[in-house]
C-alpha atoms as a PDB file:
ATOM      1  CA  MET A   1      18.323   3.907 -29.928  1.00  0.00           C
ATOM      2  CA  VAL A   2      15.445   6.097 -30.872  1.00  0.00           C
ATOM      3  CA  LYS A   3      15.780  10.342 -31.548  1.00  0.00           C
ATOM      4  CA  ALA A   4      12.591  12.297 -30.876  1.00  0.00           C
ATOM      5  CA  THR A   5      11.901  16.105 -29.709  1.00  0.00           C
ATOM      6  CA  ILE A   6      10.108  16.502 -26.803  1.00  0.00           C
ATOM      7  CA  ASN A   7       8.945  20.152 -26.232  1.00  0.00           C
ATOM      8  CA  GLY A   8      11.544  20.706 -28.643  1.00  0.00           C
ATOM      9  CA  ILE A   9      14.072  19.109 -26.536  1.00  0.00           C
ATOM     10  CA  PRO A  10      16.291  16.390 -28.930  1.00  0.00           C
ATOM     11  CA  VAL A  11      15.667  13.319 -26.214  1.00  0.00           C
ATOM     12  CA  GLU A  12      16.728   9.309 -27.352  1.00  0.00           C
ATOM     13  CA  ALA A  13      15.781   6.221 -25.280  1.00  0.00           C
ATOM     14  CA  PRO A  14      16.711   2.751 -25.711  1.00  0.00           C
ATOM     15  CA  GLU A  15      13.193   1.181 -28.653  1.00  0.00           C
ATOM     16  CA  GLY A  16      10.581   0.791 -26.641  1.00  0.00           C
ATOM     17  CA  THR A  17      10.565   3.434 -23.894  1.00  0.00           C
ATOM     18  CA  THR A  18       6.911   5.194 -23.390  1.00  0.00           C
ATOM     19  CA  ILE A  19       7.234   8.806 -24.125  1.00  0.00           C
ATOM     20  CA  LEU A  20       5.894   9.577 -20.914  1.00  0.00           C
ATOM     21  CA  VAL A  21       9.550   7.281 -19.981  1.00  0.00           C
ATOM     22  CA  ALA A  22      10.993   9.221 -21.789  1.00  0.00           C
ATOM     23  CA  ALA A  23      10.174  12.770 -20.752  1.00  0.00           C
ATOM     24  CA  LYS A  24      11.187  12.592 -17.786  1.00  0.00           C
ATOM     25  CA  LYS A  25      14.196  10.720 -18.567  1.00  0.00           C
ATOM     26  CA  ALA A  26      14.012  15.074 -20.439  1.00  0.00           C
ATOM     27  CA  GLN A  27      13.259  16.463 -16.711  1.00  0.00           C
ATOM     28  CA  VAL A  28       9.370  16.998 -18.170  1.00  0.00           C
ATOM     29  CA  LYS A  29       7.224  15.945 -16.254  1.00  0.00           C
ATOM     30  CA  ILE A  30       3.824  14.018 -17.439  1.00  0.00           C
ATOM     31  CA  PRO A  31       1.019  13.950 -14.766  1.00  0.00           C
ATOM     32  CA  THR A  32      -0.489   9.924 -14.332  1.00  0.00           C
ATOM     33  CA  LEU A  33      -2.917   8.525 -12.438  1.00  0.00           C
ATOM     34  CA  CYS A  34      -2.488   5.294 -12.831  1.00  0.00           C
ATOM     35  CA  VAL A  35       0.674   4.835 -13.611  1.00  0.00           C
ATOM     36  CA  HIS A  36       2.800   2.791 -11.158  1.00  0.00           C
ATOM     37  CA  PRO A  37       6.526   2.420 -10.802  1.00  0.00           C
ATOM     38  CA  ASP A  38       6.281  -1.077 -10.452  1.00  0.00           C
ATOM     39  CA  LEU A  39       3.415  -2.103 -11.962  1.00  0.00           C
ATOM     40  CA  THR A  40       2.582  -2.320 -16.519  1.00  0.00           C
ATOM     41  CA  ALA A  41       1.025   0.771 -16.998  1.00  0.00           C
ATOM     42  CA  SER A  42      -2.780   0.411 -17.775  1.00  0.00           C
ATOM     43  CA  ALA A  43      -3.578   3.820 -19.994  1.00  0.00           C
ATOM     44  CA  ALA A  44      -6.539   3.307 -17.495  1.00  0.00           C
ATOM     45  CA  CYS A  45      -7.117   6.818 -16.409  1.00  0.00           C
ATOM     46  CA  GLY A  46      -6.249   8.940 -19.694  1.00  0.00           C
ATOM     47  CA  ILE A  47      -4.040  11.537 -17.870  1.00  0.00           C
ATOM     48  CA  CYS A  48      -1.081  11.467 -19.348  1.00  0.00           C
ATOM     49  CA  VAL A  49      -1.959  12.287 -23.025  1.00  0.00           C
ATOM     50  CA  VAL A  50      -0.058  14.000 -25.387  1.00  0.00           C
ATOM     51  CA  LYS A  51       0.766  15.405 -29.108  1.00  0.00           C
ATOM     52  CA  VAL A  52       2.106  13.583 -31.927  1.00  0.00           C
ATOM     53  CA  LYS A  53       2.628  16.628 -35.037  1.00  0.00           C
ATOM     54  CA  GLY A  54       1.255  13.993 -37.902  1.00  0.00           C
ATOM     55  CA  MET A  55      -1.923  12.037 -35.527  1.00  0.00           C
ATOM     56  CA  ASN A  56      -5.004  13.839 -35.492  1.00  0.00           C
ATOM     57  CA  LYS A  57      -5.814  13.004 -31.974  1.00  0.00           C
ATOM     58  CA  MET A  58      -4.287  12.836 -28.646  1.00  0.00           C
ATOM     59  CA  VAL A  59      -2.029  10.058 -27.389  1.00  0.00           C
ATOM     60  CA  ARG A  60      -1.916   8.904 -23.343  1.00  0.00           C
ATOM     61  CA  SER A  61       2.160   8.651 -23.400  1.00  0.00           C
ATOM     62  CA  CYS A  62       1.893   5.311 -20.458  1.00  0.00           C
ATOM     63  CA  CYS A  63       1.132   3.313 -23.201  1.00  0.00           C
ATOM     64  CA  THR A  64       2.716   4.806 -26.850  1.00  0.00           C
ATOM     65  CA  PRO A  65       6.041   4.150 -27.779  1.00  0.00           C
ATOM     66  CA  LEU A  66       8.490   6.642 -28.409  1.00  0.00           C
ATOM     67  CA  GLU A  67       9.780   6.785 -32.594  1.00  0.00           C
ATOM     68  CA  GLU A  68      11.954   8.028 -34.360  1.00  0.00           C
ATOM     69  CA  GLY A  69      11.039  11.350 -35.762  1.00  0.00           C
ATOM     70  CA  MET A  70       8.402  12.273 -33.333  1.00  0.00           C
ATOM     71  CA  ASN A  71       7.732  15.454 -32.493  1.00  0.00           C
ATOM     72  CA  ILE A  72       5.881  15.647 -28.874  1.00  0.00           C
ATOM     73  CA  VAL A  73       3.791  18.745 -26.899  1.00  0.00           C
ATOM     74  CA  THR A  74       3.422  17.331 -23.505  1.00  0.00           C
ATOM     75  CA  HIS A  75       1.991  20.762 -22.557  1.00  0.00           C
ATOM     76  CA  ASP A  76      -0.128  23.419 -24.905  1.00  0.00           C
ATOM     77  CA  PRO A  77      -4.317  24.805 -24.253  1.00  0.00           C
ATOM     78  CA  ASP A  78      -6.248  21.710 -25.656  1.00  0.00           C
ATOM     79  CA  ILE A  79      -4.222  18.625 -23.184  1.00  0.00           C
ATOM     80  CA  VAL A  80      -4.665  20.853 -20.362  1.00  0.00           C
ATOM     81  CA  GLU A  81      -8.005  21.539 -20.199  1.00  0.00           C
ATOM     82  CA  THR A  82      -8.049  17.981 -21.496  1.00  0.00           C
ATOM     83  CA  ARG A  83      -6.947  16.891 -18.669  1.00  0.00           C
ATOM     84  CA  ARG A  84      -8.949  19.219 -15.900  1.00  0.00           C
ATOM     85  CA  THR A  85     -11.849  17.616 -17.827  1.00  0.00           C
ATOM     86  CA  VAL A  86     -11.020  13.969 -16.772  1.00  0.00           C
ATOM     87  CA  LEU A  87      -9.850  14.726 -13.043  1.00  0.00           C
ATOM     88  CA  GLU A  88     -13.154  17.275 -12.838  1.00  0.00           C
ATOM     89  CA  LEU A  89     -15.486  13.754 -14.534  1.00  0.00           C
ATOM     90  CA  ILE A  90     -13.550  11.849 -11.238  1.00  0.00           C
ATOM     91  CA  LEU A  91     -14.544  14.004  -9.320  1.00  0.00           C
ATOM     92  CA  SER A  92     -18.274  14.220 -10.411  1.00  0.00           C
ATOM     93  CA  ALA A  93     -17.978  10.539  -9.216  1.00  0.00           C
ATOM     94  CA  HIS A  94     -15.800  10.617  -5.739  1.00  0.00           C
ATOM     95  CA  PRO A  95     -16.849  11.490  -3.015  1.00  0.00           C
ATOM     96  CA  ASN A  96     -15.646  14.775  -0.957  1.00  0.00           C
ATOM     97  CA  ASP A  97     -15.142  13.827   2.622  1.00  0.00           C
ATOM     98  CA  CYS A  98     -10.407  14.270   2.057  1.00  0.00           C
ATOM     99  CA  LEU A  99     -10.908  15.648   6.433  1.00  0.00           C
ATOM    100  CA  LYS A 100     -12.025  12.515   6.965  1.00  0.00           C
ATOM    101  CA  CYS A 101      -9.858   9.610   4.531  1.00  0.00           C
ATOM    102  CA  GLY A 102      -7.037   7.413   5.876  1.00  0.00           C
ATOM    103  CA  ARG A 103      -5.094   9.135   2.556  1.00  0.00           C
ATOM    104  CA  ASN A 104      -6.017  12.502   3.725  1.00  0.00           C
ATOM    105  CA  GLN A 105      -2.786  14.809   2.304  1.00  0.00           C
ATOM    106  CA  ASN A 106      -1.263  11.475   1.116  1.00  0.00           C
ATOM    107  CA  CYS A 107      -3.461  10.767  -1.730  1.00  0.00           C
ATOM    108  CA  GLU A 108      -2.503  11.219  -5.272  1.00  0.00           C
ATOM    109  CA  LEU A 109      -5.931  12.777  -7.145  1.00  0.00           C
ATOM    110  CA  GLN A 110      -5.482  15.232  -4.456  1.00  0.00           C
ATOM    111  CA  THR A 111      -2.811  16.252  -4.938  1.00  0.00           C
ATOM    112  CA  LEU A 112      -2.835  16.199  -8.972  1.00  0.00           C
ATOM    113  CA  VAL A 113      -6.232  18.129  -7.859  1.00  0.00           C
ATOM    114  CA  ALA A 114      -4.448  20.739  -6.114  1.00  0.00           C
ATOM    115  CA  ASP A 115      -2.129  21.271  -9.055  1.00  0.00           C
ATOM    116  CA  PHE A 116      -4.577  21.529 -11.582  1.00  0.00           C
ATOM    117  CA  GLY A 117      -6.178  24.328  -9.196  1.00  0.00           C
ATOM    118  CA  ILE A 118      -9.625  22.726  -9.639  1.00  0.00           C
ATOM    119  CA  ARG A 119     -11.931  24.973  -7.055  1.00  0.00           C
ATOM    120  CA  GLU A 120     -15.012  23.816  -8.377  1.00  0.00           C
ATOM    121  CA  GLU A 121     -17.780  20.736  -9.534  1.00  0.00           C
ATOM    122  CA  VAL A 122     -18.452  21.861 -12.506  1.00  0.00           C
ATOM    123  CA  PHE A 123     -21.080  18.222 -12.972  1.00  0.00           C
ATOM    124  CA  ASP A 124     -23.042  16.724 -11.211  1.00  0.00           C
ATOM    125  CA  LYS A 125     -22.024  14.116  -7.898  1.00  0.00           C
ATOM    126  CA  ALA A 126     -22.649  10.190  -9.262  1.00  0.00           C
ATOM    127  CA  VAL A 127     -20.796   8.194  -5.931  1.00  0.00           C
ATOM    128  CA  ARG A 128     -21.869   5.600  -5.882  1.00  0.00           C
ATOM    129  CA  ASN A 129     -23.641   4.748  -2.010  1.00  0.00           C
ATOM    130  CA  LEU A 130     -21.562   1.194  -1.815  1.00  0.00           C
ATOM    131  CA  PRO A 131     -20.845  -0.666   1.415  1.00  0.00           C
ATOM    132  CA  ILE A 132     -17.787  -0.254   3.787  1.00  0.00           C
ATOM    133  CA  ASP A 133     -15.594  -3.273   3.633  1.00  0.00           C
ATOM    134  CA  LYS A 134     -13.340  -3.631   6.827  1.00  0.00           C
ATOM    135  CA  SER A 135     -13.737  -7.415   7.248  1.00  0.00           C
ATOM    136  CA  THR A 136     -10.181  -8.369   7.655  1.00  0.00           C
ATOM    137  CA  GLY A 137      -9.801  -6.227  10.596  1.00  0.00           C
ATOM    138  CA  ALA A 138      -5.873  -5.272   9.121  1.00  0.00           C
ATOM    139  CA  VAL A 139      -7.510  -3.723   4.688  1.00  0.00           C
ATOM    140  CA  VAL A 140     -10.023  -1.478   4.141  1.00  0.00           C
ATOM    141  CA  LEU A 141     -11.904  -1.686   1.091  1.00  0.00           C
ATOM    142  CA  GLU A 142     -14.148   1.150   0.390  1.00  0.00           C
ATOM    143  CA  PRO A 143     -15.291   0.985  -3.271  1.00  0.00           C
ATOM    144  CA  SER A 144     -16.602   3.886  -3.680  1.00  0.00           C
ATOM    145  CA  LYS A 145     -13.630   6.067  -3.522  1.00  0.00           C
ATOM    146  CA  CYS A 146     -12.284   3.747  -6.450  1.00  0.00           C
ATOM    147  CA  ILE A 147     -10.964   5.766  -9.416  1.00  0.00           C
ATOM    148  CA  LYS A 148     -10.166   2.139 -11.395  1.00  0.00           C
ATOM    149  CA  CYS A 149      -7.155   2.585 -11.812  1.00  0.00           C
ATOM    150  CA  GLY A 150      -6.180  -1.543 -11.851  1.00  0.00           C
ATOM    151  CA  ARG A 151      -3.704  -0.295  -9.787  1.00  0.00           C
ATOM    152  CA  CYS A 152      -4.780  -2.947  -6.588  1.00  0.00           C
ATOM    153  CA  VAL A 153      -5.616  -5.382  -9.205  1.00  0.00           C
ATOM    154  CA  GLU A 154      -2.425  -6.134 -11.083  1.00  0.00           C
ATOM    155  CA  ALA A 155      -0.487  -5.753  -6.902  1.00  0.00           C
ATOM    156  CA  CYS A 156      -2.794  -8.436  -6.104  1.00  0.00           C
ATOM    157  CA  GLN A 157      -3.069 -10.912  -9.545  1.00  0.00           C
ATOM    158  CA  ASP A 158       0.134 -10.824 -10.796  1.00  0.00           C
ATOM    159  CA  MET A 159       2.798 -10.029  -8.261  1.00  0.00           C
ATOM    160  CA  GLN A 160       0.843 -11.245  -5.433  1.00  0.00           C
ATOM    161  CA  ASN A 161      -0.784 -14.211  -7.534  1.00  0.00           C
ATOM    162  CA  VAL A 162      -3.529 -14.225  -4.523  1.00  0.00           C
ATOM    163  CA  TRP A 163      -6.391 -13.393  -6.757  1.00  0.00           C
ATOM    164  CA  ALA A 164      -8.875 -11.543  -4.182  1.00  0.00           C
ATOM    165  CA  LEU A 165      -9.700  -8.424  -5.902  1.00  0.00           C
ATOM    166  CA  SER A 166     -10.964  -8.074  -9.543  1.00  0.00           C
ATOM    167  CA  PHE A 167     -13.635  -5.143 -11.197  1.00  0.00           C
ATOM    168  CA  LEU A 168     -17.042  -6.661 -11.552  1.00  0.00           C
ATOM    169  CA  GLU A 169     -19.488  -5.371 -13.546  1.00  0.00           C
ATOM    170  CA  ARG A 170     -18.754  -2.778 -17.081  1.00  0.00           C
ATOM    171  CA  GLY A 171     -19.141   0.856 -18.302  1.00  0.00           C
ATOM    172  CA  ILE A 172     -19.611   3.516 -15.435  1.00  0.00           C
ATOM    173  CA  ASN A 173     -21.381   0.645 -13.168  1.00  0.00           C
ATOM    174  CA  THR A 174     -17.952  -0.428 -12.737  1.00  0.00           C
ATOM    175  CA  ARG A 175     -16.403  -1.043  -8.812  1.00  0.00           C
ATOM    176  CA  ILE A 176     -13.326  -3.057  -7.734  1.00  0.00           C
ATOM    177  CA  SER A 177     -13.897  -6.081  -5.577  1.00  0.00           C
ATOM    178  CA  PRO A 178     -13.555  -9.109  -4.626  1.00  0.00           C
ATOM    179  CA  ALA A 179     -14.050 -12.121  -7.696  1.00  0.00           C
ATOM    180  CA  GLY A 180     -17.383 -13.316  -6.685  1.00  0.00           C
ATOM    181  CA  ASP A 181     -18.906 -10.376  -4.427  1.00  0.00           C
ATOM    182  CA  ILE A 182     -17.466 -11.569  -1.233  1.00  0.00           C
ATOM    183  CA  THR A 183     -16.664  -9.105   2.108  1.00  0.00           C
ATOM    184  CA  LEU A 184     -12.258  -9.895   1.227  1.00  0.00           C
ATOM    185  CA  ASN A 185     -12.035 -12.353   4.573  1.00  0.00           C
ATOM    186  CA  GLN A 186     -13.484 -14.490   2.623  1.00  0.00           C
ATOM    187  CA  SER A 187     -11.715 -14.498  -0.255  1.00  0.00           C
ATOM    188  CA  PRO A 188      -7.946 -15.740  -0.936  1.00  0.00           C
ATOM    189  CA  CYS A 189      -6.746 -12.268   0.901  1.00  0.00           C
ATOM    190  CA  VAL A 190      -4.319 -12.599   2.929  1.00  0.00           C
ATOM    191  CA  LYS A 191      -3.690  -9.192   4.094  1.00  0.00           C
ATOM    192  CA  CYS A 192      -0.141  -8.717   2.529  1.00  0.00           C
ATOM    193  CA  GLY A 193      -1.348  -5.078   2.249  1.00  0.00           C
ATOM    194  CA  GLN A 194       0.233  -4.374  -1.474  1.00  0.00           C
ATOM    195  CA  CYS A 195      -3.684  -2.910  -2.731  1.00  0.00           C
ATOM    196  CA  ALA A 196      -3.366   0.083  -0.185  1.00  0.00           C
ATOM    197  CA  ALA A 197       0.532   0.600  -0.473  1.00  0.00           C
ATOM    198  CA  HIS A 198       0.109   0.263  -4.487  1.00  0.00           C
ATOM    199  CA  CYS A 199      -3.257   2.752  -4.358  1.00  0.00           C
ATOM    200  CA  PRO A 200      -3.371   6.134  -5.085  1.00  0.00           C
ATOM    201  CA  THR A 201      -6.630   7.666  -3.594  1.00  0.00           C
ATOM    202  CA  GLY A 202      -8.304   6.240   0.242  1.00  0.00           C
ATOM    203  CA  ALA A 203      -9.672   3.311  -1.278  1.00  0.00           C
ATOM    204  CA  ILE A 204      -7.880   0.529  -0.109  1.00  0.00           C
ATOM    205  CA  PHE A 205      -5.775   1.212   2.876  1.00  0.00           C
ATOM    206  CA  GLU A 206      -5.160   0.575   6.057  1.00  0.00           C
ATOM    207  CA  GLN A 207      -7.146  -0.620   9.564  1.00  0.00           C
ATOM    208  CA  ASP A 208      -6.745   2.565  11.031  1.00  0.00           C
ATOM    209  CA  ASP A 209      -6.928   1.557  14.551  1.00  0.00           C
ATOM    210  CA  THR A 210      -5.107   5.638  16.340  1.00  0.00           C
ATOM    211  CA  MET A 211      -8.670   6.750  18.072  1.00  0.00           C
ATOM    212  CA  LYS A 212      -8.197   3.051  19.762  1.00  0.00           C
ATOM    213  CA  MET A 213      -4.128   3.631  20.887  1.00  0.00           C
ATOM    214  CA  TRP A 214      -5.268   7.199  22.553  1.00  0.00           C
ATOM    215  CA  GLN A 215      -7.765   5.960  24.311  1.00  0.00           C
ATOM    216  CA  ILE A 216      -5.909   3.668  25.802  1.00  0.00           C
ATOM    217  CA  LEU A 217      -2.899   5.492  26.386  1.00  0.00           C
ATOM    218  CA  GLN A 218      -5.558   8.182  28.292  1.00  0.00           C
ATOM    219  CA  ASP A 219      -6.626   5.546  30.470  1.00  0.00           C
ATOM    220  CA  PRO A 220      -4.818   5.618  33.699  1.00  0.00           C
ATOM    221  CA  GLU A 221      -5.346   2.697  34.966  1.00  0.00           C
ATOM    222  CA  LEU A 222      -3.302   0.753  31.941  1.00  0.00           C
ATOM    223  CA  TYR A 223       0.634   0.028  32.270  1.00  0.00           C
ATOM    224  CA  CYS A 224       1.310   0.771  28.325  1.00  0.00           C
ATOM    225  CA  VAL A 225       4.833  -0.323  26.423  1.00  0.00           C
ATOM    226  CA  VAL A 226       5.206  -0.552  22.378  1.00  0.00           C
ATOM    227  CA  GLN A 227       7.770  -2.707  20.646  1.00  0.00           C
ATOM    228  CA  ILE A 228       9.223  -0.939  17.271  1.00  0.00           C
ATOM    229  CA  ALA A 229       9.898  -3.801  14.056  1.00  0.00           C
ATOM    230  CA  PRO A 230      12.303  -3.344  12.153  1.00  0.00           C
ATOM    231  CA  ALA A 231      11.561  -2.035   9.014  1.00  0.00           C
ATOM    232  CA  VAL A 232       9.663   1.253  11.826  1.00  0.00           C
ATOM    233  CA  ARG A 233      12.958   2.891  12.123  1.00  0.00           C
ATOM    234  CA  VAL A 234      14.244   3.093   9.125  1.00  0.00           C
ATOM    235  CA  ALA A 235      11.122   3.227   7.233  1.00  0.00           C
ATOM    236  CA  ILE A 236       9.211   5.501   9.420  1.00  0.00           C
ATOM    237  CA  GLY A 237      11.702   8.238   8.271  1.00  0.00           C
ATOM    238  CA  GLU A 238      10.636   8.840   4.945  1.00  0.00           C
ATOM    239  CA  GLY A 239       6.856   9.938   5.867  1.00  0.00           C
ATOM    240  CA  PHE A 240       8.942  13.473   7.920  1.00  0.00           C
ATOM    241  CA  GLY A 241      11.142  13.723   4.954  1.00  0.00           C
ATOM    242  CA  TYR A 242      14.193  12.215   6.156  1.00  0.00           C
ATOM    243  CA  PRO A 243      16.642  10.729   3.086  1.00  0.00           C
ATOM    244  CA  LEU A 244      15.559   7.217   2.291  1.00  0.00           C
ATOM    245  CA  GLY A 245      17.418   4.382   4.481  1.00  0.00           C
ATOM    246  CA  THR A 246      17.451   7.066   7.467  1.00  0.00           C
ATOM    247  CA  ASN A 247      17.924   5.540  10.555  1.00  0.00           C
ATOM    248  CA  LEU A 248      15.592   6.785  13.592  1.00  0.00           C
ATOM    249  CA  THR A 249      15.155   4.545  16.176  1.00  0.00           C
ATOM    250  CA  LYS A 250      16.593   7.300  19.151  1.00  0.00           C
ATOM    251  CA  LYS A 251      14.268  10.036  17.834  1.00  0.00           C
ATOM    252  CA  LEU A 252      11.400   6.614  17.978  1.00  0.00           C
ATOM    253  CA  TYR A 253      11.870   5.753  20.827  1.00  0.00           C
ATOM    254  CA  THR A 254      12.023   9.708  22.625  1.00  0.00           C
ATOM    255  CA  VAL A 255       8.264  10.125  20.593  1.00  0.00           C
ATOM    256  CA  LEU A 256       6.678   7.573  21.810  1.00  0.00           C
ATOM    257  CA  ARG A 257       7.328   7.917  25.143  1.00  0.00           C
ATOM    258  CA  ARG A 258       6.621  11.437  25.676  1.00  0.00           C
ATOM    259  CA  LEU A 259       3.578   9.899  23.627  1.00  0.00           C
ATOM    260  CA  GLY A 260       2.288   8.371  26.912  1.00  0.00           C
ATOM    261  CA  PHE A 261       3.784   4.897  26.414  1.00  0.00           C
ATOM    262  CA  ARG A 262       5.714   3.206  29.904  1.00  0.00           C
ATOM    263  CA  ALA A 263       7.773   1.295  28.601  1.00  0.00           C
ATOM    264  CA  VAL A 264       9.530   0.714  24.785  1.00  0.00           C
ATOM    265  CA  PHE A 265      10.297  -3.219  23.041  1.00  0.00           C
ATOM    266  CA  ASP A 266      12.500  -3.647  20.284  1.00  0.00           C
ATOM    267  CA  THR A 267      11.272  -6.301  17.860  1.00  0.00           C
ATOM    268  CA  ASN A 268      14.255  -7.519  17.294  1.00  0.00           C
ATOM    269  CA  PHE A 269      14.342  -9.539  20.830  1.00  0.00           C
ATOM    270  CA  GLY A 270      11.216 -11.419  19.527  1.00  0.00           C
ATOM    271  CA  ALA A 271      13.383 -11.916  15.960  1.00  0.00           C
ATOM    272  CA  ASP A 272      16.159 -13.620  18.285  1.00  0.00           C
ATOM    273  CA  VAL A 273      13.358 -16.131  20.419  1.00  0.00           C
ATOM    274  CA  THR A 274      11.676 -16.958  16.819  1.00  0.00           C
ATOM    275  CA  ILE A 275      15.186 -17.848  15.649  1.00  0.00           C
ATOM    276  CA  MET A 276      16.036 -20.130  18.668  1.00  0.00           C
ATOM    277  CA  GLU A 277      12.810 -21.602  19.065  1.00  0.00           C
ATOM    278  CA  GLU A 278      13.124 -22.562  15.715  1.00  0.00           C
ATOM    279  CA  ALA A 279      16.281 -23.531  16.145  1.00  0.00           C
ATOM    280  CA  ALA A 280      15.823 -26.434  18.511  1.00  0.00           C
ATOM    281  CA  GLU A 281      12.274 -27.899  16.133  1.00  0.00           C
ATOM    282  CA  PHE A 282      14.346 -28.135  13.733  1.00  0.00           C
ATOM    283  CA  ILE A 283      16.835 -29.680  15.071  1.00  0.00           C
ATOM    284  CA  GLY A 284      14.659 -31.924  17.460  1.00  0.00           C
ATOM    285  CA  ARG A 285      13.080 -32.972  13.453  1.00  0.00           C
ATOM    286  CA  LEU A 286      16.169 -33.748  11.531  1.00  0.00           C
ATOM    287  CA  LEU A 287      17.906 -35.027  15.029  1.00  0.00           C
ATOM    288  CA  HIS A 288      15.314 -36.897  16.498  1.00  0.00           C
ATOM    289  CA  SER A 289      12.341 -36.831  14.365  1.00  0.00           C
ATOM    290  CA  LYS A 290       9.842 -34.958  16.138  1.00  0.00           C
ATOM    291  CA  GLY A 291       7.287 -33.812  12.737  1.00  0.00           C
ATOM    292  CA  PRO A 292       8.254 -34.115   8.709  1.00  0.00           C
ATOM    293  CA  LEU A 293      10.977 -32.312   7.255  1.00  0.00           C
ATOM    294  CA  PRO A 294      12.178 -29.247   6.327  1.00  0.00           C
ATOM    295  CA  LEU A 295      10.857 -26.804   8.207  1.00  0.00           C
ATOM    296  CA  ILE A 296       9.064 -24.645   7.550  1.00  0.00           C
ATOM    297  CA  THR A 297       8.588 -20.390   9.400  1.00  0.00           C
ATOM    298  CA  THR A 298       5.535 -19.203  10.575  1.00  0.00           C
ATOM    299  CA  CYS A 299       6.966 -15.284  12.005  1.00  0.00           C
ATOM    300  CA  CYS A 300       5.224 -14.257   9.383  1.00  0.00           C
ATOM    301  CA  PRO A 301       1.175 -13.775   9.522  1.00  0.00           C
ATOM    302  CA  SER A 302       0.444 -13.027   6.032  1.00  0.00           C
ATOM    303  CA  TRP A 303       2.243 -15.896   4.593  1.00  0.00           C
ATOM    304  CA  VAL A 304       1.287 -18.546   7.321  1.00  0.00           C
ATOM    305  CA  ASP A 305      -2.213 -17.056   5.071  1.00  0.00           C
ATOM    306  CA  TYR A 306      -1.033 -18.238   1.553  1.00  0.00           C
ATOM    307  CA  MET A 307       0.091 -21.336   2.359  1.00  0.00           C
ATOM    308  CA  GLU A 308      -2.600 -21.776   4.063  1.00  0.00           C
ATOM    309  CA  LYS A 309      -4.638 -20.644   1.750  1.00  0.00           C
ATOM    310  CA  PHE A 310      -2.716 -21.556  -1.368  1.00  0.00           C
ATOM    311  CA  TYR A 311      -0.219 -25.370  -0.509  1.00  0.00           C
ATOM    312  CA  THR A 312      -2.460 -26.964   2.240  1.00  0.00           C
ATOM    313  CA  ASP A 313      -0.675 -29.889   1.930  1.00  0.00           C
ATOM    314  CA  MET A 314       2.620 -28.123   2.989  1.00  0.00           C
ATOM    315  CA  ILE A 315       0.952 -27.341   6.377  1.00  0.00           C
ATOM    316  CA  VAL A 316       2.649 -29.946   8.279  1.00  0.00           C
ATOM    317  CA  HIS A 317       5.830 -28.532   7.690  1.00  0.00           C
ATOM    318  CA  PHE A 318       5.393 -25.037   9.803  1.00  0.00           C
ATOM    319  CA  SER A 319       6.873 -24.845  12.581  1.00  0.00           C
ATOM    320  CA  SER A 320       4.323 -24.096  16.303  1.00  0.00           C
ATOM    321  CA  VAL A 321       6.750 -21.281  16.570  1.00  0.00           C
ATOM    322  CA  LYS A 322       4.646 -18.319  17.073  1.00  0.00           C
ATOM    323  CA  SER A 323       5.805 -14.305  14.601  1.00  0.00           C
ATOM    324  CA  PRO A 324       8.073 -12.353  16.961  1.00  0.00           C
ATOM    325  CA  HIS A 325       5.186  -9.461  17.432  1.00  0.00           C
ATOM    326  CA  GLU A 326       3.451 -12.159  18.577  1.00  0.00           C
ATOM    327  CA  ILE A 327       6.994 -13.303  21.119  1.00  0.00           C
ATOM    328  CA  SER A 328       7.290  -9.741  22.394  1.00  0.00           C
ATOM    329  CA  GLY A 329       4.376  -9.386  23.148  1.00  0.00           C
ATOM    330  CA  ILE A 330       3.427 -12.138  25.056  1.00  0.00           C
ATOM    331  CA  LEU A 331       6.352 -11.719  27.241  1.00  0.00           C
ATOM    332  CA  SER A 332       5.966  -8.773  27.571  1.00  0.00           C
ATOM    333  CA  LYS A 333       2.775  -9.277  29.347  1.00  0.00           C
ATOM    334  CA  LYS A 334       3.739 -11.688  31.152  1.00  0.00           C
ATOM    335  CA  ASN A 335       7.745 -11.837  31.931  1.00  0.00           C
ATOM    336  CA  PHE A 336       7.876  -7.721  32.290  1.00  0.00           C
ATOM    337  CA  SER A 337       4.724  -7.362  33.788  1.00  0.00           C
ATOM    338  CA  LEU A 338       6.466 -10.238  36.722  1.00  0.00           C
ATOM    339  CA  LYS A 339       9.550  -8.154  37.167  1.00  0.00           C
ATOM    340  CA  LYS A 340       7.401  -5.109  37.657  1.00  0.00           C
ATOM    341  CA  ASN A 341       4.588  -6.114  39.723  1.00  0.00           C
ATOM    342  CA  ILE A 342       2.116  -4.787  37.529  1.00  0.00           C
ATOM    343  CA  ASP A 343      -1.220  -6.797  36.853  1.00  0.00           C
ATOM    344  CA  ARG A 344      -1.139  -7.974  33.483  1.00  0.00           C
ATOM    345  CA  LYS A 345      -4.874  -8.000  32.772  1.00  0.00           C
ATOM    346  CA  LYS A 346      -3.841  -3.676  32.975  1.00  0.00           C
ATOM    347  CA  THR A 347      -0.758  -3.978  30.285  1.00  0.00           C
ATOM    348  CA  SER A 348      -2.164  -2.546  27.133  1.00  0.00           C
ATOM    349  CA  MET A 349       0.828  -3.633  24.594  1.00  0.00           C
ATOM    350  CA  SER A 350       0.436  -2.053  21.018  1.00  0.00           C
END
């Protein structure tokens, strides 16, 4: 164990623990932008700087290990001013369109700027006019909002082993892009969404079809139905301040009906159909030689995309069964429309 002092507070941590982690254990908050619990600290942003007695420069707490006898200061006028300057420099190369951004009110940069009370632009604007990439129809890449933290690159390359994203060019011209400067849809991207989940700003976010949904709901000629994936009933509560894991199935059903959906379906039913169909297909292959073994599920589009791009020799083992979402959609369009005597063309599934 290593013993040190942070802001006068004695701390003790295992050898190799960073100053940032040790400070958190001592309930001392050091601001960060490039750090994420899933990833290795890259020390890219420089906001987590602290002072260590005996050193003639500030160090980045996210990558500096705690050492025996260290006397650390995490907040003083010099440190706060340095962090403010870093944020002001980031803002000078960042667009001012928070109200139109998909991460508005859920942006780590926006939160830090508010925490530091930054209300004026100190440096001249140097926002690059880089094209927005919507080619996948699932993930939107807006490189002008990138703060070069590297979180998306590590998530894509090291976590997912997809290697669809990388940094191009150098210095002030560094930008995020698929390798080869191609579109995301042309890259190995499998639309898993991990880059968007780890991006601290609006540089990468999920395709937003909210306005399209509202237009459909307001069309009196359409019979709008919706399906809920199993994870949504629990995950949605996080956005409304509920404790992690809170099941909001009943509230979610009520909200969707009040929004204007005429019927609410559960993707669980589609999953049950998927299991039965895949089981029947497996029996056919095992007992009647109707295909090679093993049988690989195709219920996840991203999984299928990954296998098709990285393991083409396994395509012959794919199941022919659609995903639970597609099955639920087809059954709603066909069977439910028939039961309700509704024109299938006027049934809209979300």
